Amino acid sequence: MKRPPEIEAYLVERRAVLLNGDIEVMRAHLVKWGNQGAATAEADVLRIAWHKARTGATDLPRDERRKSVAWLRERGYRDLSDPEA
């Protein structure tokens, strides 16, 4: 089933943001797509959210997702592969 063009555009942009790693790029992406709270969110919170999002983004390379799982676990956070997350 073909996705609507706006969904495809979002997914392409999201993938680029999740591979980029620049928190200000992520902030702008979130605000653009309706998360106005991201405009004032602390950078540390956005970094954690970025890593969590990467763990659940199955369109990213597995090694990129694993890097984020490791980053989160090293800091005591749960990733999206954790059933308790």
PDB file of N, CA and C in Angstrom:
ATOM      1  N   MET A   1       0.843  -1.182   0.000  1.00  0.00           N
ATOM      2  CA  MET A   1       0.000   0.000   0.000  1.00  0.00           C
ATOM      3  C   MET A   1       0.889   1.247   0.000  1.00  0.00           C
ATOM      4  N   LYS A   2       0.585   2.154  -0.872  1.00  0.00           N
ATOM      5  CA  LYS A   2       1.368   3.374  -1.013  1.00  0.00           C
ATOM      6  C   LYS A   2       0.968   4.390   0.061  1.00  0.00           C
ATOM      7  N   ARG A   3       1.984   5.011   0.660  1.00  0.00           N
ATOM      8  CA  ARG A   3       1.728   6.029   1.696  1.00  0.00           C
ATOM      9  C   ARG A   3       1.419   7.373   1.048  1.00  0.00           C
ATOM     10  N   PRO A   4       0.634   8.203   1.740  1.00  0.00           N
ATOM     11  CA  PRO A   4       0.392   9.560   1.245  1.00  0.00           C
ATOM     12  C   PRO A   4       1.713  10.334   1.172  1.00  0.00           C
ATOM     13  N   PRO A   5       1.832  11.269   0.233  1.00  0.00           N
ATOM     14  CA  PRO A   5       3.084  12.017   0.053  1.00  0.00           C
ATOM     15  C   PRO A   5       3.564  12.749   1.309  1.00  0.00           C
ATOM     16  N   GLU A   6       2.645  13.260   2.110  1.00  0.00           N
ATOM     17  CA  GLU A   6       3.068  13.980   3.322  1.00  0.00           C
ATOM     18  C   GLU A   6       3.683  13.032   4.354  1.00  0.00           C
ATOM     19  N   ILE A   7       3.204  11.797   4.399  1.00  0.00           N
ATOM     20  CA  ILE A   7       3.790  10.799   5.305  1.00  0.00           C
ATOM     21  C   ILE A   7       5.185  10.412   4.802  1.00  0.00           C
ATOM     22  N   GLU A   8       5.307  10.202   3.513  1.00  0.00           N
ATOM     23  CA  GLU A   8       6.616   9.895   2.933  1.00  0.00           C
ATOM     24  C   GLU A   8       7.609  11.022   3.203  1.00  0.00           C
ATOM     25  N   ALA A   9       7.159  12.264   3.040  1.00  0.00           N
ATOM     26  CA  ALA A   9       8.039  13.417   3.281  1.00  0.00           C
ATOM     27  C   ALA A   9       8.495  13.438   4.734  1.00  0.00           C
ATOM     28  N   TYR A  10       7.572  13.187   5.651  1.00  0.00           N
ATOM     29  CA  TYR A  10       7.924  13.154   7.067  1.00  0.00           C
ATOM     30  C   TYR A  10       8.958  12.055   7.344  1.00  0.00           C
ATOM     31  N   LEU A  11       8.733  10.858   6.816  1.00  0.00           N
ATOM     32  CA  LEU A  11       9.636   9.740   7.088  1.00  0.00           C
ATOM     33  C   LEU A  11      11.033   9.975   6.517  1.00  0.00           C
ATOM     34  N   VAL A  12      11.110  10.557   5.347  1.00  0.00           N
ATOM     35  CA  VAL A  12      12.409  10.873   4.746  1.00  0.00           C
ATOM     36  C   VAL A  12      13.134  11.898   5.610  1.00  0.00           C
ATOM     37  N   GLU A  13      12.421  12.930   6.027  1.00  0.00           N
ATOM     38  CA  GLU A  13      13.033  13.971   6.866  1.00  0.00           C
ATOM     39  C   GLU A  13      13.429  13.397   8.226  1.00  0.00           C
ATOM     40  N   ARG A  14      12.560  12.587   8.826  1.00  0.00           N
ATOM     41  CA  ARG A  14      12.856  12.008  10.139  1.00  0.00           C
ATOM     42  C   ARG A  14      14.119  11.155  10.078  1.00  0.00           C
ATOM     43  N   ARG A  15      14.236  10.359   9.040  1.00  0.00           N
ATOM     44  CA  ARG A  15      15.425   9.502   8.899  1.00  0.00           C
ATOM     45  C   ARG A  15      16.688  10.357   8.832  1.00  0.00           C
ATOM     46  N   ALA A  16      16.646  11.412   8.053  1.00  0.00           N
ATOM     47  CA  ALA A  16      17.809  12.301   7.935  1.00  0.00           C
ATOM     48  C   ALA A  16      18.143  12.932   9.279  1.00  0.00           C
ATOM     49  N   VAL A  17      17.132  13.353  10.026  1.00  0.00           N
ATOM     50  CA  VAL A  17      17.346  13.960  11.345  1.00  0.00           C
ATOM     51  C   VAL A  17      17.947  12.938  12.304  1.00  0.00           C
ATOM     52  N   LEU A  18      17.445  11.728  12.291  1.00  0.00           N
ATOM     53  CA  LEU A  18      17.939  10.704  13.210  1.00  0.00           C
ATOM     54  C   LEU A  18      19.354  10.259  12.867  1.00  0.00           C
ATOM     55  N   LEU A  19      19.764  10.414  11.625  1.00  0.00           N
ATOM     56  CA  LEU A  19      21.137  10.096  11.254  1.00  0.00           C
ATOM     57  C   LEU A  19      22.070  11.286  11.456  1.00  0.00           C
ATOM     58  N   ASN A  20      21.515  12.492  11.490  1.00  0.00           N
ATOM     59  CA  ASN A  20      22.312  13.712  11.579  1.00  0.00           C
ATOM     60  C   ASN A  20      22.933  13.921  12.954  1.00  0.00           C
ATOM     61  N   GLY A  21      22.127  13.904  13.987  1.00  0.00           N
ATOM     62  CA  GLY A  21      22.636  14.067  15.346  1.00  0.00           C
ATOM     63  C   GLY A  21      22.691  15.495  15.856  1.00  0.00           C
ATOM     64  N   ASP A  22      22.412  16.467  15.019  1.00  0.00           N
ATOM     65  CA  ASP A  22      22.415  17.866  15.452  1.00  0.00           C
ATOM     66  C   ASP A  22      21.096  18.149  16.178  1.00  0.00           C
ATOM     67  N   ILE A  23      21.198  18.498  17.448  1.00  0.00           N
ATOM     68  CA  ILE A  23      20.002  18.698  18.266  1.00  0.00           C
ATOM     69  C   ILE A  23      19.158  19.868  17.769  1.00  0.00           C
ATOM     70  N   GLU A  24      19.783  20.898  17.259  1.00  0.00           N
ATOM     71  CA  GLU A  24      19.002  22.026  16.739  1.00  0.00           C
ATOM     72  C   GLU A  24      18.245  21.637  15.468  1.00  0.00           C
ATOM     73  N   VAL A  25      18.804  20.754  14.683  1.00  0.00           N
ATOM     74  CA  VAL A  25      18.092  20.227  13.505  1.00  0.00           C
ATOM     75  C   VAL A  25      16.895  19.411  13.975  1.00  0.00           C
ATOM     76  N   MET A  26      17.098  18.610  15.020  1.00  0.00           N
ATOM     77  CA  MET A  26      15.993  17.824  15.568  1.00  0.00           C
ATOM     78  C   MET A  26      14.905  18.734  16.134  1.00  0.00           C
ATOM     79  N   ARG A  27      15.323  19.763  16.857  1.00  0.00           N
ATOM     80  CA  ARG A  27      14.352  20.706  17.435  1.00  0.00           C
ATOM     81  C   ARG A  27      13.493  21.315  16.327  1.00  0.00           C
ATOM     82  N   ALA A  28      14.126  21.780  15.271  1.00  0.00           N
ATOM     83  CA  ALA A  28      13.387  22.396  14.160  1.00  0.00           C
ATOM     84  C   ALA A  28      12.438  21.390  13.505  1.00  0.00           C
ATOM     85  N   HIS A  29      12.892  20.160  13.350  1.00  0.00           N
ATOM     86  CA  HIS A  29      12.051  19.106  12.760  1.00  0.00           C
ATOM     87  C   HIS A  29      10.815  18.863  13.629  1.00  0.00           C
ATOM     88  N   LEU A  30      11.012  18.741  14.933  1.00  0.00           N
ATOM     89  CA  LEU A  30       9.884  18.485  15.834  1.00  0.00           C
ATOM     90  C   LEU A  30       8.878  19.633  15.819  1.00  0.00           C
ATOM     91  N   VAL A  31       9.380  20.861  15.847  1.00  0.00           N
ATOM     92  CA  VAL A  31       8.487  22.028  15.820  1.00  0.00           C
ATOM     93  C   VAL A  31       7.731  22.072  14.494  1.00  0.00           C
ATOM     94  N   LYS A  32       8.440  21.835  13.406  1.00  0.00           N
ATOM     95  CA  LYS A  32       7.811  21.853  12.075  1.00  0.00           C
ATOM     96  C   LYS A  32       6.639  20.879  11.996  1.00  0.00           C
ATOM     97  N   TRP A  33       6.789  19.705  12.629  1.00  0.00           N
ATOM     98  CA  TRP A  33       5.767  18.678  12.532  1.00  0.00           C
ATOM     99  C   TRP A  33       4.809  18.681  13.714  1.00  0.00           C
ATOM    100  N   GLY A  34       4.760  19.795  14.473  1.00  0.00           N
ATOM    101  CA  GLY A  34       3.701  19.971  15.451  1.00  0.00           C
ATOM    102  C   GLY A  34       4.061  19.827  16.915  1.00  0.00           C
ATOM    103  N   ASN A  35       5.312  19.535  17.243  1.00  0.00           N
ATOM    104  CA  ASN A  35       5.697  19.424  18.646  1.00  0.00           C
ATOM    105  C   ASN A  35       6.257  20.768  19.104  1.00  0.00           C
ATOM    106  N   GLN A  36       5.375  21.664  19.490  1.00  0.00           N
ATOM    107  CA  GLN A  36       5.798  23.006  19.876  1.00  0.00           C
ATOM    108  C   GLN A  36       6.613  23.019  21.169  1.00  0.00           C
ATOM    109  N   GLY A  37       6.438  22.002  22.008  1.00  0.00           N
ATOM    110  CA  GLY A  37       7.215  21.914  23.241  1.00  0.00           C
ATOM    111  C   GLY A  37       8.696  21.747  22.989  1.00  0.00           C
ATOM    112  N   ALA A  38       9.056  21.235  21.827  1.00  0.00           N
ATOM    113  CA  ALA A  38      10.469  21.057  21.493  1.00  0.00           C
ATOM    114  C   ALA A  38      11.196  22.383  21.381  1.00  0.00           C
ATOM    115  N   ALA A  39      10.457  23.458  21.119  1.00  0.00           N
ATOM    116  CA  ALA A  39      11.083  24.775  20.961  1.00  0.00           C
ATOM    117  C   ALA A  39      11.799  25.214  22.231  1.00  0.00           C
ATOM    118  N   THR A  40      11.288  24.794  23.382  1.00  0.00           N
ATOM    119  CA  THR A  40      11.877  25.227  24.650  1.00  0.00           C
ATOM    120  C   THR A  40      12.473  24.074  25.457  1.00  0.00           C
ATOM    121  N   ALA A  41      12.478  22.885  24.894  1.00  0.00           N
ATOM    122  CA  ALA A  41      13.018  21.721  25.608  1.00  0.00           C
ATOM    123  C   ALA A  41      14.527  21.862  25.788  1.00  0.00           C
ATOM    124  N   GLU A  42      15.010  21.368  26.910  1.00  0.00           N
ATOM    125  CA  GLU A  42      16.449  21.396  27.166  1.00  0.00           C
ATOM    126  C   GLU A  42      17.163  20.471  26.188  1.00  0.00           C
ATOM    127  N   ALA A  43      18.366  20.844  25.813  1.00  0.00           N
ATOM    128  CA  ALA A  43      19.150  20.055  24.861  1.00  0.00           C
ATOM    129  C   ALA A  43      19.380  18.633  25.366  1.00  0.00           C
ATOM    130  N   ASP A  44      19.598  18.467  26.681  1.00  0.00           N
ATOM    131  CA  ASP A  44      19.809  17.126  27.231  1.00  0.00           C
ATOM    132  C   ASP A  44      18.582  16.245  27.036  1.00  0.00           C
ATOM    133  N   VAL A  45      17.409  16.819  27.206  1.00  0.00           N
ATOM    134  CA  VAL A  45      16.161  16.071  27.019  1.00  0.00           C
ATOM    135  C   VAL A  45      16.007  15.678  25.550  1.00  0.00           C
ATOM    136  N   LEU A  46      16.323  16.598  24.657  1.00  0.00           N
ATOM    137  CA  LEU A  46      16.235  16.289  23.235  1.00  0.00           C
ATOM    138  C   LEU A  46      17.254  15.220  22.826  1.00  0.00           C
ATOM    139  N   ARG A  47      18.436  15.242  23.425  1.00  0.00           N
ATOM    140  CA  ARG A  47      19.453  14.226  23.103  1.00  0.00           C
ATOM    141  C   ARG A  47      18.950  12.834  23.510  1.00  0.00           C
ATOM    142  N   ILE A  48      18.347  12.745  24.689  1.00  0.00           N
ATOM    143  CA  ILE A  48      17.789  11.462  25.137  1.00  0.00           C
ATOM    144  C   ILE A  48      16.666  11.031  24.194  1.00  0.00           C
ATOM    145  N   ALA A  49      15.782  11.955  23.844  1.00  0.00           N
ATOM    146  CA  ALA A  49      14.671  11.642  22.931  1.00  0.00           C
ATOM    147  C   ALA A  49      15.191  11.206  21.570  1.00  0.00           C
ATOM    148  N   TRP A  50      16.261  11.859  21.104  1.00  0.00           N
ATOM    149  CA  TRP A  50      16.861  11.505  19.818  1.00  0.00           C
ATOM    150  C   TRP A  50      17.347  10.054  19.847  1.00  0.00           C
ATOM    151  N   HIS A  51      18.061   9.698  20.904  1.00  0.00           N
ATOM    152  CA  HIS A  51      18.555   8.324  21.007  1.00  0.00           C
ATOM    153  C   HIS A  51      17.404   7.331  21.137  1.00  0.00           C
ATOM    154  N   LYS A  52      16.390   7.667  21.922  1.00  0.00           N
ATOM    155  CA  LYS A  52      15.238   6.756  22.056  1.00  0.00           C
ATOM    156  C   LYS A  52      14.547   6.569  20.711  1.00  0.00           C
ATOM    157  N   ALA A  53      14.367   7.644  19.982  1.00  0.00           N
ATOM    158  CA  ALA A  53      13.720   7.556  18.668  1.00  0.00           C
ATOM    159  C   ALA A  53      14.530   6.675  17.731  1.00  0.00           C
ATOM    160  N   ARG A  54      15.844   6.793  17.778  1.00  0.00           N
ATOM    161  CA  ARG A  54      16.704   5.969  16.922  1.00  0.00           C
ATOM    162  C   ARG A  54      16.549   4.486  17.234  1.00  0.00           C
ATOM    163  N   THR A  55      16.346   4.134  18.508  1.00  0.00           N
ATOM    164  CA  THR A  55      16.226   2.717  18.859  1.00  0.00           C
ATOM    165  C   THR A  55      14.957   2.099  18.286  1.00  0.00           C
ATOM    166  N   GLY A  56      13.954   2.914  18.024  1.00  0.00           N
ATOM    167  CA  GLY A  56      12.699   2.404  17.496  1.00  0.00           C
ATOM    168  C   GLY A  56      12.515   2.601  16.001  1.00  0.00           C
ATOM    169  N   ALA A  57      13.459   3.270  15.365  1.00  0.00           N
ATOM    170  CA  ALA A  57      13.337   3.571  13.927  1.00  0.00           C
ATOM    171  C   ALA A  57      13.926   2.430  13.110  1.00  0.00           C
ATOM    172  N   THR A  58      13.082   1.520  12.686  1.00  0.00           N
ATOM    173  CA  THR A  58      13.561   0.327  11.987  1.00  0.00           C
ATOM    174  C   THR A  58      14.070   0.628  10.576  1.00  0.00           C
ATOM    175  N   ASP A  59      13.889   1.852  10.100  1.00  0.00           N
ATOM    176  CA  ASP A  59      14.434   2.206   8.789  1.00  0.00           C
ATOM    177  C   ASP A  59      15.889   2.686   8.882  1.00  0.00           C
ATOM    178  N   LEU A  60      16.427   2.775  10.109  1.00  0.00           N
ATOM    179  CA  LEU A  60      17.835   3.127  10.287  1.00  0.00           C
ATOM    180  C   LEU A  60      18.682   1.863  10.255  1.00  0.00           C
ATOM    181  N   PRO A  61      19.950   2.006   9.904  1.00  0.00           N
ATOM    182  CA  PRO A  61      20.842   0.840   9.963  1.00  0.00           C
ATOM    183  C   PRO A  61      20.912   0.289  11.390  1.00  0.00           C
ATOM    184  N   ARG A  62      20.972  -1.021  11.490  1.00  0.00           N
ATOM    185  CA  ARG A  62      20.987  -1.689  12.796  1.00  0.00           C
ATOM    186  C   ARG A  62      22.128  -1.178  13.682  1.00  0.00           C
ATOM    187  N   ASP A  63      23.312  -0.936  13.108  1.00  0.00           N
ATOM    188  CA  ASP A  63      24.440  -0.481  13.932  1.00  0.00           C
ATOM    189  C   ASP A  63      24.186   0.900  14.514  1.00  0.00           C
ATOM    190  N   GLU A  64      23.463   1.753  13.803  1.00  0.00           N
ATOM    191  CA  GLU A  64      23.114   3.075  14.343  1.00  0.00           C
ATOM    192  C   GLU A  64      22.153   2.924  15.517  1.00  0.00           C
ATOM    193  N   ARG A  65      21.186   2.023  15.373  1.00  0.00           N
ATOM    194  CA  ARG A  65      20.238   1.790  16.463  1.00  0.00           C
ATOM    195  C   ARG A  65      20.957   1.220  17.679  1.00  0.00           C
ATOM    196  N   ARG A  66      21.892   0.320  17.448  1.00  0.00           N
ATOM    197  CA  ARG A  66      22.652  -0.279  18.558  1.00  0.00           C
ATOM    198  C   ARG A  66      23.500   0.763  19.285  1.00  0.00           C
ATOM    199  N   LYS A  67      24.067   1.715  18.546  1.00  0.00           N
ATOM    200  CA  LYS A  67      24.842   2.792  19.192  1.00  0.00           C
ATOM    201  C   LYS A  67      23.959   3.562  20.171  1.00  0.00           C
ATOM    202  N   SER A  68      22.730   3.822  19.771  1.00  0.00           N
ATOM    203  CA  SER A  68      21.826   4.565  20.648  1.00  0.00           C
ATOM    204  C   SER A  68      21.374   3.726  21.835  1.00  0.00           C
ATOM    205  N   VAL A  69      21.160   2.432  21.635  1.00  0.00           N
ATOM    206  CA  VAL A  69      20.831   1.546  22.756  1.00  0.00           C
ATOM    207  C   VAL A  69      21.957   1.605  23.776  1.00  0.00           C
ATOM    208  N   ALA A  70      23.198   1.488  23.301  1.00  0.00           N
ATOM    209  CA  ALA A  70      24.355   1.523  24.206  1.00  0.00           C
ATOM    210  C   ALA A  70      24.440   2.872  24.920  1.00  0.00           C
ATOM    211  N   TRP A  71      24.256   3.964  24.194  1.00  0.00           N
ATOM    212  CA  TRP A  71      24.335   5.306  24.775  1.00  0.00           C
ATOM    213  C   TRP A  71      23.316   5.442  25.908  1.00  0.00           C
ATOM    214  N   LEU A  72      22.091   5.026  25.652  1.00  0.00           N
ATOM    215  CA  LEU A  72      21.035   5.136  26.662  1.00  0.00           C
ATOM    216  C   LEU A  72      21.337   4.261  27.879  1.00  0.00           C
ATOM    217  N   ARG A  73      21.690   3.027  27.645  1.00  0.00           N
ATOM    218  CA  ARG A  73      21.938   2.107  28.759  1.00  0.00           C
ATOM    219  C   ARG A  73      23.130   2.532  29.602  1.00  0.00           C
ATOM    220  N   GLU A  74      24.172   3.077  28.971  1.00  0.00           N
ATOM    221  CA  GLU A  74      25.333   3.567  29.710  1.00  0.00           C
ATOM    222  C   GLU A  74      24.963   4.686  30.684  1.00  0.00           C
ATOM    223  N   ARG A  75      23.894   5.377  30.393  1.00  0.00           N
ATOM    224  CA  ARG A  75      23.467   6.516  31.214  1.00  0.00           C
ATOM    225  C   ARG A  75      22.258   6.190  32.088  1.00  0.00           C
ATOM    226  N   GLY A  76      21.865   4.933  32.094  1.00  0.00           N
ATOM    227  CA  GLY A  76      20.769   4.495  32.951  1.00  0.00           C
ATOM    228  C   GLY A  76      19.375   4.699  32.384  1.00  0.00           C
ATOM    229  N   TYR A  77      19.276   4.952  31.084  1.00  0.00           N
ATOM    230  CA  TYR A  77      17.972   5.128  30.443  1.00  0.00           C
ATOM    231  C   TYR A  77      17.573   3.849  29.723  1.00  0.00           C
ATOM    232  N   ARG A  78      16.294   3.691  29.521  1.00  0.00           N
ATOM    233  CA  ARG A  78      15.787   2.542  28.785  1.00  0.00           C
ATOM    234  C   ARG A  78      15.605   2.915  27.321  1.00  0.00           C
ATOM    235  N   ASP A  79      15.759   1.927  26.485  1.00  0.00           N
ATOM    236  CA  ASP A  79      15.560   2.138  25.044  1.00  0.00           C
ATOM    237  C   ASP A  79      14.234   1.499  24.644  1.00  0.00           C
ATOM    238  N   LEU A  80      13.821   1.740  23.418  1.00  0.00           N
ATOM    239  CA  LEU A  80      12.520   1.252  22.979  1.00  0.00           C
ATOM    240  C   LEU A  80      12.482  -0.256  22.736  1.00  0.00           C
ATOM    241  N   SER A  81      13.646  -0.917  22.794  1.00  0.00           N
ATOM    242  CA  SER A  81      13.633  -2.379  22.699  1.00  0.00           C
ATOM    243  C   SER A  81      13.413  -3.023  24.063  1.00  0.00           C
ATOM    244  N   ASP A  82      13.434  -2.215  25.115  1.00  0.00           N
ATOM    245  CA  ASP A  82      13.224  -2.686  26.489  1.00  0.00           C
ATOM    246  C   ASP A  82      11.715  -2.744  26.743  1.00  0.00           C
ATOM    247  N   PRO A  83      11.162  -3.917  27.066  1.00  0.00           N
ATOM    248  CA  PRO A  83       9.708  -4.022  27.267  1.00  0.00           C
ATOM    249  C   PRO A  83       9.191  -3.157  28.412  1.00  0.00           C
ATOM    250  N   GLU A  84      10.061  -2.719  29.287  1.00  0.00           N
ATOM    251  CA  GLU A  84       9.646  -1.853  30.407  1.00  0.00           C
ATOM    252  C   GLU A  84       9.714  -0.371  30.052  1.00  0.00           C
ATOM    253  N   ALA A  85      10.214  -0.048  28.850  1.00  0.00           N
ATOM    254  CA  ALA A  85      10.403   1.360  28.466  1.00  0.00           C
ATOM    255  C   ALA A  85       9.083   2.081  28.327  1.00  0.00           C
TER     256      ALA A  85
END
